[in-house]
Structures are given as C-alpha cells and as structure tokens.
PDB file of N, CA and C in Angstrom:
ATOM      1  N   MET A   1      -5.419   4.389  49.270  1.00  0.00           N
ATOM      2  CA  MET A   1      -4.243   4.526  48.437  1.00  0.00           C
ATOM      3  C   MET A   1      -4.287   3.440  47.359  1.00  0.00           C
ATOM      4  N   CYS A   2      -4.134   3.820  46.139  1.00  0.00           N
ATOM      5  CA  CYS A   2      -4.151   2.891  45.013  1.00  0.00           C
ATOM      6  C   CYS A   2      -2.731   2.783  44.471  1.00  0.00           C
ATOM      7  N   VAL A   3      -2.255   1.564  44.373  1.00  0.00           N
ATOM      8  CA  VAL A   3      -0.912   1.342  43.844  1.00  0.00           C
ATOM      9  C   VAL A   3      -1.050   0.572  42.544  1.00  0.00           C
ATOM     10  N   GLU A   4      -0.505   1.119  41.489  1.00  0.00           N
ATOM     11  CA  GLU A   4      -0.524   0.439  40.203  1.00  0.00           C
ATOM     12  C   GLU A   4       0.879  -0.059  39.895  1.00  0.00           C
ATOM     13  N   PHE A   5       0.943  -1.208  39.299  1.00  0.00           N
ATOM     14  CA  PHE A   5       2.237  -1.734  38.896  1.00  0.00           C
ATOM     15  C   PHE A   5       2.045  -2.621  37.679  1.00  0.00           C
ATOM     16  N   GLU A   6       3.109  -2.804  36.962  1.00  0.00           N
ATOM     17  CA  GLU A   6       3.080  -3.651  35.782  1.00  0.00           C
ATOM     18  C   GLU A   6       3.578  -5.036  36.170  1.00  0.00           C
ATOM     19  N   ILE A   7       2.847  -6.040  35.761  1.00  0.00           N
ATOM     20  CA  ILE A   7       3.265  -7.413  36.046  1.00  0.00           C
ATOM     21  C   ILE A   7       4.187  -7.857  34.920  1.00  0.00           C
ATOM     22  N   SER A   8       5.371  -8.269  35.287  1.00  0.00           N
ATOM     23  CA  SER A   8       6.375  -8.626  34.290  1.00  0.00           C
ATOM     24  C   SER A   8       6.084  -9.983  33.664  1.00  0.00           C
ATOM     25  N   ALA A   9       6.702 -10.221  32.522  1.00  0.00           N
ATOM     26  CA  ALA A   9       6.582 -11.512  31.848  1.00  0.00           C
ATOM     27  C   ALA A   9       7.122 -12.620  32.741  1.00  0.00           C
ATOM     28  N   PHE A  10       8.147 -12.309  33.522  1.00  0.00           N
ATOM     29  CA  PHE A  10       8.704 -13.303  34.442  1.00  0.00           C
ATOM     30  C   PHE A  10       7.651 -13.741  35.451  1.00  0.00           C
ATOM     31  N   PHE A  11       6.917 -12.785  36.017  1.00  0.00           N
ATOM     32  CA  PHE A  11       5.879 -13.116  36.984  1.00  0.00           C
ATOM     33  C   PHE A  11       4.812 -14.000  36.346  1.00  0.00           C
ATOM     34  N   TYR A  12       4.397 -13.673  35.121  1.00  0.00           N
ATOM     35  CA  TYR A  12       3.409 -14.505  34.436  1.00  0.00           C
ATOM     36  C   TYR A  12       3.943 -15.912  34.198  1.00  0.00           C
ATOM     37  N   SER A  13       5.231 -16.040  33.917  1.00  0.00           N
ATOM     38  CA  SER A  13       5.793 -17.373  33.716  1.00  0.00           C
ATOM     39  C   SER A  13       5.727 -18.184  35.003  1.00  0.00           C
ATOM     40  N   LEU A  14       5.890 -17.531  36.147  1.00  0.00           N
ATOM     41  CA  LEU A  14       5.764 -18.241  37.421  1.00  0.00           C
ATOM     42  C   LEU A  14       4.335 -18.708  37.635  1.00  0.00           C
ATOM     43  N   ILE A  15       3.374 -17.848  37.326  1.00  0.00           N
ATOM     44  CA  ILE A  15       1.973 -18.226  37.480  1.00  0.00           C
ATOM     45  C   ILE A  15       1.660 -19.411  36.582  1.00  0.00           C
ATOM     46  N   ARG A  16       2.098 -19.334  35.325  1.00  0.00           N
ATOM     47  CA  ARG A  16       1.846 -20.438  34.403  1.00  0.00           C
ATOM     48  C   ARG A  16       2.447 -21.731  34.934  1.00  0.00           C
ATOM     49  N   TYR A  17       3.631 -21.645  35.495  1.00  0.00           N
ATOM     50  CA  TYR A  17       4.303 -22.844  35.996  1.00  0.00           C
ATOM     51  C   TYR A  17       3.568 -23.428  37.190  1.00  0.00           C
ATOM     52  N   PHE A  18       3.189 -22.573  38.108  1.00  0.00           N
ATOM     53  CA  PHE A  18       2.686 -23.090  39.374  1.00  0.00           C
ATOM     54  C   PHE A  18       1.202 -23.416  39.413  1.00  0.00           C
ATOM     55  N   PHE A  19       0.330 -22.601  38.854  1.00  0.00           N
ATOM     56  CA  PHE A  19      -1.092 -22.793  39.085  1.00  0.00           C
ATOM     57  C   PHE A  19      -1.604 -24.143  38.600  1.00  0.00           C
ATOM     58  N   HIS A  20      -1.137 -24.630  37.499  1.00  0.00           N
ATOM     59  CA  HIS A  20      -1.631 -25.919  37.021  1.00  0.00           C
ATOM     60  C   HIS A  20      -0.856 -27.096  37.626  1.00  0.00           C
ATOM     61  N   LEU A  21       0.106 -26.814  38.468  1.00  0.00           N
ATOM     62  CA  LEU A  21       0.928 -27.883  39.029  1.00  0.00           C
ATOM     63  C   LEU A  21       0.820 -28.002  40.545  1.00  0.00           C
ATOM     64  N   TYR A  22      -0.178 -27.369  41.135  1.00  0.00           N
ATOM     65  CA  TYR A  22      -0.366 -27.520  42.579  1.00  0.00           C
ATOM     66  C   TYR A  22      -0.803 -28.949  42.869  1.00  0.00           C
ATOM     67  N   ASN A  23       0.019 -29.710  43.514  1.00  0.00           N
ATOM     68  CA  ASN A  23      -0.345 -31.059  43.941  1.00  0.00           C
ATOM     69  C   ASN A  23       0.219 -31.258  45.335  1.00  0.00           C
ATOM     70  N   PHE A  24      -0.575 -31.821  46.197  1.00  0.00           N
ATOM     71  CA  PHE A  24      -0.117 -32.114  47.545  1.00  0.00           C
ATOM     72  C   PHE A  24      -0.554 -33.516  47.921  1.00  0.00           C
ATOM     73  N   TRP A  25       0.273 -34.179  48.682  1.00  0.00           N
ATOM     74  CA  TRP A  25      -0.137 -35.424  49.289  1.00  0.00           C
ATOM     75  C   TRP A  25       0.250 -35.333  50.745  1.00  0.00           C
ATOM     76  N   THR A  26      -0.447 -36.078  51.576  1.00  0.00           N
ATOM     77  CA  THR A  26      -0.213 -36.003  53.014  1.00  0.00           C
ATOM     78  C   THR A  26       0.597 -37.207  53.454  1.00  0.00           C
ATOM     79  N   TRP A  27       1.699 -36.933  54.108  1.00  0.00           N
ATOM     80  CA  TRP A  27       2.566 -37.972  54.649  1.00  0.00           C
ATOM     81  C   TRP A  27       2.696 -37.729  56.144  1.00  0.00           C
ATOM     82  N   LYS A  28       2.250 -38.688  56.926  1.00  0.00           N
ATOM     83  CA  LYS A  28       2.300 -38.593  58.387  1.00  0.00           C
ATOM     84  C   LYS A  28       1.724 -37.267  58.885  1.00  0.00           C
ATOM     85  N   GLY A  29       0.616 -36.852  58.277  1.00  0.00           N
ATOM     86  CA  GLY A  29      -0.067 -35.642  58.701  1.00  0.00           C
ATOM     87  C   GLY A  29       0.547 -34.347  58.198  1.00  0.00           C
ATOM     88  N   ARG A  30       1.536 -34.412  57.330  1.00  0.00           N
ATOM     89  CA  ARG A  30       2.210 -33.217  56.802  1.00  0.00           C
ATOM     90  C   ARG A  30       1.965 -33.108  55.298  1.00  0.00           C
ATOM     91  N   LYS A  31       1.722 -31.895  54.810  1.00  0.00           N
ATOM     92  CA  LYS A  31       1.475 -31.676  53.386  1.00  0.00           C
ATOM     93  C   LYS A  31       2.796 -31.586  52.626  1.00  0.00           C
ATOM     94  N   ILE A  32       2.920 -32.432  51.606  1.00  0.00           N
ATOM     95  CA  ILE A  32       4.103 -32.462  50.749  1.00  0.00           C
ATOM     96  C   ILE A  32       3.684 -32.009  49.353  1.00  0.00           C
ATOM     97  N   HIS A  33       4.377 -31.014  48.819  1.00  0.00           N
ATOM     98  CA  HIS A  33       4.079 -30.505  47.478  1.00  0.00           C
ATOM     99  C   HIS A  33       4.869 -31.294  46.445  1.00  0.00           C
ATOM    100  N   TYR A  34       4.218 -31.576  45.318  1.00  0.00           N
ATOM    101  CA  TYR A  34       4.922 -32.210  44.211  1.00  0.00           C
ATOM    102  C   TYR A  34       4.362 -31.728  42.879  1.00  0.00           C
ATOM    103  N   VAL A  35       5.174 -31.856  41.855  1.00  0.00           N
ATOM    104  CA  VAL A  35       4.820 -31.526  40.480  1.00  0.00           C
ATOM    105  C   VAL A  35       4.803 -32.831  39.713  1.00  0.00           C
ATOM    106  N   VAL A  36       3.830 -33.009  38.839  1.00  0.00           N
ATOM    107  CA  VAL A  36       3.794 -34.198  37.984  1.00  0.00           C
ATOM    108  C   VAL A  36       3.396 -33.773  36.577  1.00  0.00           C
ATOM    109  N   GLN A  37       4.148 -34.281  35.595  1.00  0.00           N
ATOM    110  CA  GLN A  37       3.861 -34.001  34.187  1.00  0.00           C
ATOM    111  C   GLN A  37       4.282 -35.184  33.347  1.00  0.00           C
ATOM    112  N   GLY A  38       3.590 -35.390  32.241  1.00  0.00           N
ATOM    113  CA  GLY A  38       3.981 -36.381  31.250  1.00  0.00           C
ATOM    114  C   GLY A  38       3.406 -37.758  31.494  1.00  0.00           C
ATOM    115  N   GLU A  39       3.741 -38.653  30.581  1.00  0.00           N
ATOM    116  CA  GLU A  39       3.331 -40.055  30.638  1.00  0.00           C
ATOM    117  C   GLU A  39       4.534 -40.911  30.268  1.00  0.00           C
ATOM    118  N   GLY A  40       4.547 -42.136  30.750  1.00  0.00           N
ATOM    119  CA  GLY A  40       5.644 -43.047  30.454  1.00  0.00           C
ATOM    120  C   GLY A  40       6.289 -43.546  31.728  1.00  0.00           C
ATOM    121  N   SER A  41       7.511 -44.039  31.599  1.00  0.00           N
ATOM    122  CA  SER A  41       8.215 -44.543  32.775  1.00  0.00           C
ATOM    123  C   SER A  41       8.497 -43.380  33.728  1.00  0.00           C
ATOM    124  N   PRO A  42       8.390 -43.631  35.044  1.00  0.00           N
ATOM    125  CA  PRO A  42       8.535 -42.529  36.005  1.00  0.00           C
ATOM    126  C   PRO A  42       9.978 -42.063  36.184  1.00  0.00           C
ATOM    127  N   VAL A  43      10.121 -40.761  36.329  1.00  0.00           N
ATOM    128  CA  VAL A  43      11.386 -40.121  36.685  1.00  0.00           C
ATOM    129  C   VAL A  43      11.088 -39.242  37.891  1.00  0.00           C
ATOM    130  N   VAL A  44      11.847 -39.416  38.962  1.00  0.00           N
ATOM    131  CA  VAL A  44      11.638 -38.632  40.180  1.00  0.00           C
ATOM    132  C   VAL A  44      12.823 -37.690  40.354  1.00  0.00           C
ATOM    133  N   LEU A  45      12.529 -36.404  40.451  1.00  0.00           N
ATOM    134  CA  LEU A  45      13.556 -35.378  40.637  1.00  0.00           C
ATOM    135  C   LEU A  45      13.482 -34.890  42.074  1.00  0.00           C
ATOM    136  N   ILE A  46      14.579 -35.012  42.798  1.00  0.00           N
ATOM    137  CA  ILE A  46      14.623 -34.604  44.201  1.00  0.00           C
ATOM    138  C   ILE A  46      15.707 -33.539  44.340  1.00  0.00           C
ATOM    139  N   HIS A  47      15.310 -32.390  44.812  1.00  0.00           N
ATOM    140  CA  HIS A  47      16.224 -31.253  44.928  1.00  0.00           C
ATOM    141  C   HIS A  47      17.204 -31.438  46.086  1.00  0.00           C
ATOM    142  N   GLY A  48      18.226 -30.598  46.105  1.00  0.00           N
ATOM    143  CA  GLY A  48      19.190 -30.579  47.200  1.00  0.00           C
ATOM    144  C   GLY A  48      18.779 -29.594  48.273  1.00  0.00           C
ATOM    145  N   PHE A  49      19.637 -29.417  49.260  1.00  0.00           N
ATOM    146  CA  PHE A  49      19.335 -28.494  50.352  1.00  0.00           C
ATOM    147  C   PHE A  49      19.328 -27.058  49.841  1.00  0.00           C
ATOM    148  N   GLY A  50      18.401 -26.280  50.343  1.00  0.00           N
ATOM    149  CA  GLY A  50      18.267 -24.889  49.935  1.00  0.00           C
ATOM    150  C   GLY A  50      17.589 -24.716  48.591  1.00  0.00           C
ATOM    151  N   ALA A  51      16.966 -25.759  48.088  1.00  0.00           N
ATOM    152  CA  ALA A  51      16.326 -25.703  46.771  1.00  0.00           C
ATOM    153  C   ALA A  51      14.857 -26.105  46.895  1.00  0.00           C
ATOM    154  N   SER A  52      14.231 -26.339  45.753  1.00  0.00           N
ATOM    155  CA  SER A  52      12.832 -26.764  45.722  1.00  0.00           C
ATOM    156  C   SER A  52      12.542 -27.395  44.367  1.00  0.00           C
ATOM    157  N   ALA A  53      11.337 -27.898  44.202  1.00  0.00           N
ATOM    158  CA  ALA A  53      10.934 -28.478  42.920  1.00  0.00           C
ATOM    159  C   ALA A  53      11.021 -27.447  41.799  1.00  0.00           C
ATOM    160  N   TYR A  54      10.868 -26.190  42.144  1.00  0.00           N
ATOM    161  CA  TYR A  54      10.932 -25.120  41.145  1.00  0.00           C
ATOM    162  C   TYR A  54      12.281 -25.109  40.421  1.00  0.00           C
ATOM    163  N   HIS A  55      13.321 -25.570  41.039  1.00  0.00           N
ATOM    164  CA  HIS A  55      14.642 -25.596  40.405  1.00  0.00           C
ATOM    165  C   HIS A  55      14.694 -26.534  39.200  1.00  0.00           C
ATOM    166  N   TRP A  56      13.732 -27.439  39.091  1.00  0.00           N
ATOM    167  CA  TRP A  56      13.676 -28.379  37.976  1.00  0.00           C
ATOM    168  C   TRP A  56      12.803 -27.865  36.830  1.00  0.00           C
ATOM    169  N   ARG A  57      12.334 -26.623  36.895  1.00  0.00           N
ATOM    170  CA  ARG A  57      11.325 -26.114  35.964  1.00  0.00           C
ATOM    171  C   ARG A  57      11.727 -26.206  34.493  1.00  0.00           C
ATOM    172  N   TYR A  58      13.003 -26.143  34.170  1.00  0.00           N
ATOM    173  CA  TYR A  58      13.416 -26.232  32.770  1.00  0.00           C
ATOM    174  C   TYR A  58      13.598 -27.682  32.318  1.00  0.00           C
ATOM    175  N   TYR A  59      13.846 -28.580  33.246  1.00  0.00           N
ATOM    176  CA  TYR A  59      14.050 -29.987  32.922  1.00  0.00           C
ATOM    177  C   TYR A  59      12.730 -30.736  32.781  1.00  0.00           C
ATOM    178  N   ILE A  60      11.760 -30.370  33.590  1.00  0.00           N
ATOM    179  CA  ILE A  60      10.490 -31.101  33.631  1.00  0.00           C
ATOM    180  C   ILE A  60       9.821 -31.188  32.258  1.00  0.00           C
ATOM    181  N   PRO A  61       9.620 -30.086  31.533  1.00  0.00           N
ATOM    182  CA  PRO A  61       8.939 -30.198  30.234  1.00  0.00           C
ATOM    183  C   PRO A  61       9.679 -31.088  29.234  1.00  0.00           C
ATOM    184  N   GLU A  62      11.001 -31.041  29.250  1.00  0.00           N
ATOM    185  CA  GLU A  62      11.774 -31.877  28.323  1.00  0.00           C
ATOM    186  C   GLU A  62      11.672 -33.354  28.695  1.00  0.00           C
ATOM    187  N   LEU A  63      11.856 -33.660  29.970  1.00  0.00           N
ATOM    188  CA  LEU A  63      11.753 -35.051  30.411  1.00  0.00           C
ATOM    189  C   LEU A  63      10.342 -35.589  30.237  1.00  0.00           C
ATOM    190  N   ALA A  64       9.339 -34.719  30.389  1.00  0.00           N
ATOM    191  CA  ALA A  64       7.931 -35.132  30.303  1.00  0.00           C
ATOM    192  C   ALA A  64       7.525 -35.536  28.887  1.00  0.00           C
ATOM    193  N   LYS A  65       8.347 -35.261  27.906  1.00  0.00           N
ATOM    194  CA  LYS A  65       8.040 -35.686  26.538  1.00  0.00           C
ATOM    195  C   LYS A  65       8.055 -37.204  26.411  1.00  0.00           C
ATOM    196  N   LYS A  66       8.830 -37.882  27.269  1.00  0.00           N
ATOM    197  CA  LYS A  66       8.942 -39.341  27.186  1.00  0.00           C
ATOM    198  C   LYS A  66       8.689 -40.044  28.512  1.00  0.00           C
ATOM    199  N   HIS A  67       8.552 -39.292  29.598  1.00  0.00           N
ATOM    200  CA  HIS A  67       8.429 -39.890  30.926  1.00  0.00           C
ATOM    201  C   HIS A  67       7.337 -39.207  31.737  1.00  0.00           C
ATOM    202  N   LYS A  68       6.888 -39.901  32.764  1.00  0.00           N
ATOM    203  CA  LYS A  68       6.036 -39.274  33.778  1.00  0.00           C
ATOM    204  C   LYS A  68       6.993 -38.736  34.832  1.00  0.00           C
ATOM    205  N   VAL A  69       7.069 -37.422  34.941  1.00  0.00           N
ATOM    206  CA  VAL A  69       8.071 -36.764  35.778  1.00  0.00           C
ATOM    207  C   VAL A  69       7.437 -36.274  37.069  1.00  0.00           C
ATOM    208  N   TYR A  70       8.061 -36.625  38.170  1.00  0.00           N
ATOM    209  CA  TYR A  70       7.671 -36.138  39.488  1.00  0.00           C
ATOM    210  C   TYR A  70       8.826 -35.301  40.034  1.00  0.00           C
ATOM    211  N   ALA A  71       8.511 -34.145  40.572  1.00  0.00           N
ATOM    212  CA  ALA A  71       9.501 -33.330  41.284  1.00  0.00           C
ATOM    213  C   ALA A  71       8.861 -32.965  42.612  1.00  0.00           C
ATOM    214  N   ILE A  72       9.505 -33.332  43.701  1.00  0.00           N
ATOM    215  CA  ILE A  72       8.895 -33.087  45.009  1.00  0.00           C
ATOM    216  C   ILE A  72       9.642 -31.994  45.759  1.00  0.00           C
ATOM    217  N   ASP A  73       8.888 -31.305  46.590  1.00  0.00           N
ATOM    218  CA  ASP A  73       9.486 -30.406  47.570  1.00  0.00           C
ATOM    219  C   ASP A  73       9.607 -31.212  48.853  1.00  0.00           C
ATOM    220  N   LEU A  74      10.816 -31.512  49.254  1.00  0.00           N
ATOM    221  CA  LEU A  74      11.000 -32.256  50.494  1.00  0.00           C
ATOM    222  C   LEU A  74      10.372 -31.503  51.661  1.00  0.00           C
ATOM    223  N   LEU A  75      10.017 -32.225  52.684  1.00  0.00           N
ATOM    224  CA  LEU A  75       9.413 -31.616  53.867  1.00  0.00           C
ATOM    225  C   LEU A  75      10.334 -30.521  54.397  1.00  0.00           C
ATOM    226  N   GLY A  76       9.777 -29.340  54.589  1.00  0.00           N
ATOM    227  CA  GLY A  76      10.557 -28.206  55.063  1.00  0.00           C
ATOM    228  C   GLY A  76      11.098 -27.322  53.952  1.00  0.00           C
ATOM    229  N   PHE A  77      10.877 -27.695  52.696  1.00  0.00           N
ATOM    230  CA  PHE A  77      11.383 -26.938  51.552  1.00  0.00           C
ATOM    231  C   PHE A  77      10.243 -26.560  50.616  1.00  0.00           C
ATOM    232  N   GLY A  78      10.494 -25.555  49.788  1.00  0.00           N
ATOM    233  CA  GLY A  78       9.520 -25.166  48.769  1.00  0.00           C
ATOM    234  C   GLY A  78       8.148 -24.918  49.357  1.00  0.00           C
ATOM    235  N   TRP A  79       7.133 -25.521  48.741  1.00  0.00           N
ATOM    236  CA  TRP A  79       5.757 -25.335  49.193  1.00  0.00           C
ATOM    237  C   TRP A  79       5.296 -26.438  50.123  1.00  0.00           C
ATOM    238  N   SER A  80       6.181 -27.350  50.491  1.00  0.00           N
ATOM    239  CA  SER A  80       5.823 -28.382  51.463  1.00  0.00           C
ATOM    240  C   SER A  80       5.781 -27.774  52.855  1.00  0.00           C
ATOM    241  N   GLU A  81       5.047 -28.446  53.719  1.00  0.00           N
ATOM    242  CA  GLU A  81       4.895 -27.959  55.093  1.00  0.00           C
ATOM    243  C   GLU A  81       6.241 -27.939  55.806  1.00  0.00           C
ATOM    244  N   LYS A  82       6.408 -26.951  56.644  1.00  0.00           N
ATOM    245  CA  LYS A  82       7.622 -26.835  57.456  1.00  0.00           C
ATOM    246  C   LYS A  82       7.332 -27.504  58.793  1.00  0.00           C
ATOM    247  N   ALA A  83       8.043 -28.567  59.085  1.00  0.00           N
ATOM    248  CA  ALA A  83       7.778 -29.314  60.310  1.00  0.00           C
ATOM    249  C   ALA A  83       9.076 -29.859  60.877  1.00  0.00           C
ATOM    250  N   ILE A  84       9.122 -29.989  62.174  1.00  0.00           N
ATOM    251  CA  ILE A  84      10.278 -30.580  62.837  1.00  0.00           C
ATOM    252  C   ILE A  84       9.934 -32.037  63.120  1.00  0.00           C
ATOM    253  N   ILE A  85      10.587 -32.932  62.385  1.00  0.00           N
ATOM    254  CA  ILE A  85      10.377 -34.369  62.555  1.00  0.00           C
ATOM    255  C   ILE A  85      11.714 -35.064  62.371  1.00  0.00           C
ATOM    256  N   GLU A  86      11.735 -36.372  62.609  1.00  0.00           N
ATOM    257  CA  GLU A  86      12.933 -37.155  62.325  1.00  0.00           C
ATOM    258  C   GLU A  86      12.966 -37.463  60.837  1.00  0.00           C
ATOM    259  N   TYR A  87      14.124 -37.333  60.219  1.00  0.00           N
ATOM    260  CA  TYR A  87      14.267 -37.609  58.804  1.00  0.00           C
ATOM    261  C   TYR A  87      15.028 -38.914  58.618  1.00  0.00           C
ATOM    262  N   GLY A  88      14.712 -39.628  57.549  1.00  0.00           N
ATOM    263  CA  GLY A  88      15.404 -40.865  57.245  1.00  0.00           C
ATOM    264  C   GLY A  88      14.920 -41.417  55.915  1.00  0.00           C
ATOM    265  N   MET A  89      15.382 -42.607  55.549  1.00  0.00           N
ATOM    266  CA  MET A  89      14.989 -43.217  54.285  1.00  0.00           C
ATOM    267  C   MET A  89      13.502 -43.551  54.245  1.00  0.00           C
ATOM    268  N   GLU A  90      12.870 -43.679  55.401  1.00  0.00           N
ATOM    269  CA  GLU A  90      11.441 -43.951  55.442  1.00  0.00           C
ATOM    270  C   GLU A  90      10.658 -42.665  55.257  1.00  0.00           C
ATOM    271  N   GLY A  91      11.343 -41.553  55.143  1.00  0.00           N
ATOM    272  CA  GLY A  91      10.725 -40.229  55.109  1.00  0.00           C
ATOM    273  C   GLY A  91       9.990 -39.924  53.821  1.00  0.00           C
ATOM    274  N   PRO A  92       9.767 -38.641  53.569  1.00  0.00           N
ATOM    275  CA  PRO A  92       8.945 -38.214  52.448  1.00  0.00           C
ATOM    276  C   PRO A  92       9.368 -38.782  51.099  1.00  0.00           C
ATOM    277  N   GLY A  93      10.648 -38.790  50.794  1.00  0.00           N
ATOM    278  CA  GLY A  93      11.095 -39.314  49.509  1.00  0.00           C
ATOM    279  C   GLY A  93      10.828 -40.796  49.376  1.00  0.00           C
ATOM    280  N   GLY A  94      11.115 -41.558  50.426  1.00  0.00           N
ATOM    281  CA  GLY A  94      10.881 -42.993  50.403  1.00  0.00           C
ATOM    282  C   GLY A  94       9.414 -43.331  50.265  1.00  0.00           C
ATOM    283  N   GLY A  95       8.566 -42.636  50.985  1.00  0.00           N
ATOM    284  CA  GLY A  95       7.129 -42.864  50.895  1.00  0.00           C
ATOM    285  C   GLY A  95       6.592 -42.512  49.530  1.00  0.00           C
ATOM    286  N   PHE A  96       7.126 -41.481  48.922  1.00  0.00           N
ATOM    287  CA  PHE A  96       6.696 -41.053  47.596  1.00  0.00           C
ATOM    288  C   PHE A  96       7.053 -42.115  46.567  1.00  0.00           C
ATOM    289  N   LEU A  97       8.279 -42.600  46.622  1.00  0.00           N
ATOM    290  CA  LEU A  97       8.721 -43.602  45.655  1.00  0.00           C
ATOM    291  C   LEU A  97       7.931 -44.889  45.770  1.00  0.00           C
ATOM    292  N   ALA A  98       7.585 -45.289  46.971  1.00  0.00           N
ATOM    293  CA  ALA A  98       6.869 -46.538  47.174  1.00  0.00           C
ATOM    294  C   ALA A  98       5.476 -46.496  46.568  1.00  0.00           C
ATOM    295  N   GLY A  99       4.914 -45.320  46.391  1.00  0.00           N
ATOM    296  CA  GLY A  99       3.543 -45.208  45.931  1.00  0.00           C
ATOM    297  C   GLY A  99       3.320 -45.440  44.457  1.00  0.00           C
ATOM    298  N   ASP A 100       4.272 -45.141  43.576  1.00  0.00           N
ATOM    299  CA  ASP A 100       3.954 -45.164  42.155  1.00  0.00           C
ATOM    300  C   ASP A 100       5.020 -45.820  41.284  1.00  0.00           C
ATOM    301  N   CYS A 101       6.074 -46.313  41.856  1.00  0.00           N
ATOM    302  CA  CYS A 101       7.153 -46.866  41.037  1.00  0.00           C
ATOM    303  C   CYS A 101       7.266 -48.369  41.237  1.00  0.00           C
ATOM    304  N   GLU A 102       7.238 -49.101  40.129  1.00  0.00           N
ATOM    305  CA  GLU A 102       7.476 -50.539  40.215  1.00  0.00           C
ATOM    306  C   GLU A 102       8.972 -50.819  40.305  1.00  0.00           C
ATOM    307  N   ARG A 103       9.727 -50.055  39.580  1.00  0.00           N
ATOM    308  CA  ARG A 103      11.170 -50.243  39.542  1.00  0.00           C
ATOM    309  C   ARG A 103      11.807 -48.867  39.542  1.00  0.00           C
ATOM    310  N   ALA A 104      12.745 -48.654  40.414  1.00  0.00           N
ATOM    311  CA  ALA A 104      13.380 -47.337  40.503  1.00  0.00           C
ATOM    312  C   ALA A 104      14.858 -47.449  40.154  1.00  0.00           C
ATOM    313  N   SER A 105      15.343 -46.490  39.443  1.00  0.00           N
ATOM    314  CA  SER A 105      16.762 -46.383  39.135  1.00  0.00           C
ATOM    315  C   SER A 105      17.231 -45.030  39.627  1.00  0.00           C
ATOM    316  N   SER A 106      18.466 -44.973  40.056  1.00  0.00           N
ATOM    317  CA  SER A 106      18.994 -43.677  40.472  1.00  0.00           C
ATOM    318  C   SER A 106      20.389 -43.511  39.891  1.00  0.00           C
ATOM    319  N   PHE A 107      20.761 -42.285  39.715  1.00  0.00           N
ATOM    320  CA  PHE A 107      22.097 -41.985  39.245  1.00  0.00           C
ATOM    321  C   PHE A 107      22.472 -40.615  39.761  1.00  0.00           C
ATOM    322  N   SER A 108      23.732 -40.314  39.691  1.00  0.00           N
ATOM    323  CA  SER A 108      24.195 -38.985  40.059  1.00  0.00           C
ATOM    324  C   SER A 108      25.312 -38.615  39.098  1.00  0.00           C
ATOM    325  N   TRP A 109      25.689 -37.388  39.112  1.00  0.00           N
ATOM    326  CA  TRP A 109      26.772 -36.942  38.270  1.00  0.00           C
ATOM    327  C   TRP A 109      27.603 -35.927  39.015  1.00  0.00           C
ATOM    328  N   LYS A 110      28.777 -35.688  38.495  1.00  0.00           N
ATOM    329  CA  LYS A 110      29.629 -34.666  39.089  1.00  0.00           C
ATOM    330  C   LYS A 110      30.334 -33.932  37.968  1.00  0.00           C
ATOM    331  N   GLN A 111      30.694 -32.721  38.247  1.00  0.00           N
ATOM    332  CA  GLN A 111      31.412 -31.919  37.272  1.00  0.00           C
ATOM    333  C   GLN A 111      32.894 -32.234  37.408  1.00  0.00           C
ATOM    334  N   VAL A 112      33.560 -32.456  36.281  1.00  0.00           N
ATOM    335  CA  VAL A 112      34.993 -32.753  36.308  1.00  0.00           C
ATOM    336  C   VAL A 112      35.776 -31.641  35.668  1.00  0.00           C
TER     337      VAL A 112
END
C-alpha cells in the first residue's frame, strides 16, 4: 500500500528548527536536550511544566542576535529522557548553569 501526502510548510518549519539544534548532554546518566544559538552573554530559557524548549522557538532567534541563548528541556520534558529521579536545585537546571555561566541573572514577570 502506497500512501502519498503533502508535507505542509508548518512541518518543514519544524524540521528546520529541530535538525540543526539537536544537542544533548548527559547528567547523572540521563540525556538532557538543549538548544543553543548566538554569541555574547548567556541567556538561559527554562520552560514551565507541560512545556519544552520548543515553546521558546520565536524568542531564541531574536535573543540570539545579541546573546548566546540556551533553552533546555528539563528532565522528563520535551526531547530529554524521561526518568524517575529526585528533583532539586542540584538537578538538571543547576548543573547546566554551572557549566557555562560566570555570572547568572534571573528575572520573572507577571501579567497585570
């Protein structure tokens, strides 16, 4: 049986986004996926629950014009390995930050 289908522009945009951005690092024997683009001072984007690094896809190219941007898939999310472990500040995000940042700043915002 031969099935023909048309690949949409949306699908091609996903391929363009993902294929050149496959990056993994191993933390405590688990594969963690991350995206990195740009040069300059580091910016780390960490998604919320039920999300992934893909949610930052529109922000990454803009931020990468002036910064080295990292977006990680936390353990158990996105393309990172799904594993049952203890989570804490020493976990995937903490280990990631310790590897490449001399000075880290964080901020948050809320809608009013």
